[in-house]
Protein backbone atom coordinates (compact mmCIF):
# COMPACT_ATOMS: atom_id res chain seq x y z
CA ILE A 1 -16.70 -15.39 0.14
CA SER A 2 -14.32 -17.96 -1.23
CA ALA A 3 -10.64 -18.06 -0.32
CA LEU A 4 -9.82 -16.85 -3.84
CA ASP A 5 -12.16 -13.85 -3.50
CA HIS A 6 -10.57 -13.01 -0.18
CA ALA A 7 -7.06 -13.32 -1.62
CA VAL A 8 -7.92 -11.05 -4.55
CA ASP A 9 -9.47 -8.46 -2.21
CA GLU A 10 -6.33 -8.54 -0.04
CA GLU A 11 -4.16 -8.07 -3.12
CA LEU A 12 -6.29 -5.15 -4.32
CA GLN A 13 -6.09 -3.51 -0.92
CA ALA A 14 -2.29 -3.82 -0.90
CA LEU A 15 -2.09 -2.33 -4.39
CA ILE A 16 -4.35 0.59 -3.47
CA ILE A 17 -2.18 1.33 -0.44
CA LYS A 18 0.91 1.14 -2.66
CA ARG A 19 -0.78 3.53 -5.13
CA LEU A 20 -1.49 6.01 -2.32
CA ASP A 21 2.14 5.77 -1.19
CA LEU A 22 3.16 6.65 -4.76
CA ALA A 23 0.77 9.61 -4.63
CA LYS A 24 2.96 11.01 -1.87
CA ASP A 25 5.99 10.97 -4.19
CA VAL A 26 3.94 12.53 -6.97
CA ALA A 27 2.67 15.24 -4.61
CA GLU A 28 6.23 16.11 -3.60
CA TYR A 29 7.28 16.34 -7.26
CA LYS A 30 4.27 18.46 -8.22
CA LYS A 31 4.80 20.79 -5.28
CA ALA A 32 8.53 21.18 -6.01
CA ASN A 33 7.82 21.91 -9.68
CA ASN A 34 4.72 24.04 -9.10
CA LEU A 35 2.55 21.66 -11.13
CA PRO A 36 -1.22 21.34 -10.79
CA ILE A 37 -2.63 18.29 -9.05
CA LEU A 38 -4.93 17.50 -11.98
CA ASP A 39 -3.19 16.28 -15.13
CA ARG A 40 -6.23 15.24 -17.13
CA ASP A 41 -4.29 14.54 -20.34
CA ARG A 42 -2.18 11.96 -18.50
CA GLU A 43 -5.25 10.42 -16.87
CA LEU A 44 -7.01 10.10 -20.22
CA TRP A 45 -3.88 8.56 -21.75
CA ILE A 46 -3.77 5.98 -18.94
CA LEU A 47 -7.48 5.18 -19.35
CA ASP A 48 -7.02 4.73 -23.08
CA HIS A 49 -3.96 2.55 -22.46
CA ILE A 50 -5.62 0.24 -19.92
CA THR A 51 -8.70 -0.25 -22.10
CA GLU A 52 -6.84 -0.65 -25.38
CA ASP A 53 -7.39 -4.04 -27.00
CA LYS A 54 -9.78 -5.14 -24.25
CA SER A 55 -13.12 -6.74 -24.98
CA PRO A 56 -15.96 -4.20 -25.14
CA ASP A 57 -17.63 -5.63 -22.04
CA LEU A 58 -14.52 -4.78 -19.98
CA VAL A 59 -13.98 -1.21 -21.17
CA VAL A 60 -16.58 0.46 -18.95
CA PRO A 61 -15.57 -1.41 -15.76
CA LEU A 62 -11.88 -0.73 -16.45
CA ARG A 63 -12.60 2.97 -16.84
CA GLU A 64 -13.63 2.92 -13.18
CA HIS A 65 -9.90 3.38 -12.70
CA GLU A 66 -10.91 7.05 -12.62
CA THR A 67 -11.99 6.47 -9.04
CA LEU A 68 -8.37 5.73 -8.17
CA PHE A 69 -7.34 8.97 -9.85
CA ARG A 70 -9.79 10.91 -7.67
CA VAL A 71 -8.53 9.22 -4.52
CA ALA A 72 -4.90 9.89 -5.48
CA ARG A 73 -5.66 13.55 -6.25
CA ARG A 74 -7.35 13.96 -2.88
CA ARG A 75 -4.31 12.42 -1.21
CA GLN A 76 -1.97 14.73 -3.14
CA SER A 77 -4.10 17.70 -2.16
CA GLN A 78 -3.91 16.74 1.51
CA LEU A 79 -0.14 16.40 1.29
CA ILE A 80 0.54 19.55 -0.74
CA ASP A 81 -1.74 21.89 1.15
CA PRO A 82 -3.32 20.34 4.26
CA ASP A 83 -5.11 23.58 5.17
CA GLU A 84 -6.86 23.68 1.80
CA SER A 85 -7.43 19.94 1.33
CA PHE A 86 -11.15 20.19 2.06
CA ILE A 87 -11.66 22.97 -0.50
CA ASN A 88 -9.42 21.22 -3.01
CA GLY A 89 -11.42 18.03 -2.53
CA ILE A 90 -14.62 19.86 -3.37
CA LYS A 91 -13.02 21.45 -6.44
CA ALA A 92 -11.70 18.06 -7.57
CA THR A 93 -15.15 16.56 -7.23
CA PHE A 94 -16.66 19.16 -9.54
CA THR A 95 -13.72 18.90 -11.93
CA ASP A 96 -14.09 15.11 -12.05
CA ASP A 97 -17.78 15.39 -12.95
CA ALA A 98 -17.08 17.81 -15.76
CA PHE A 99 -14.38 15.60 -17.26
CA SER A 100 -16.29 12.35 -16.80
CA GLN A 101 -19.10 13.71 -18.94
CA GLN A 102 -16.69 14.61 -21.76
CA ARG A 103 -15.33 11.10 -22.18
């Protein structure tokens, strides 16, 4: 692995950790406002936004951003209801599959 590859991987790791820290703030907001963890309309808007005006060969890889949504939802679930996080994780997995096939 080149030094540049390593640097990019380190940067990605830092950003993922930052994203998970933000998930904690989102979980607190959702819990305080009695909002569901899954906001599929927002996720689809973000996916459309990040792929807008990108070359066709980048659209599919960029849509892998959905993986980050799943990780963030699992984190929110753990924070909102630790006793139910395992069950919520299973539900999220099935929900993700259903939505992924629609898009």
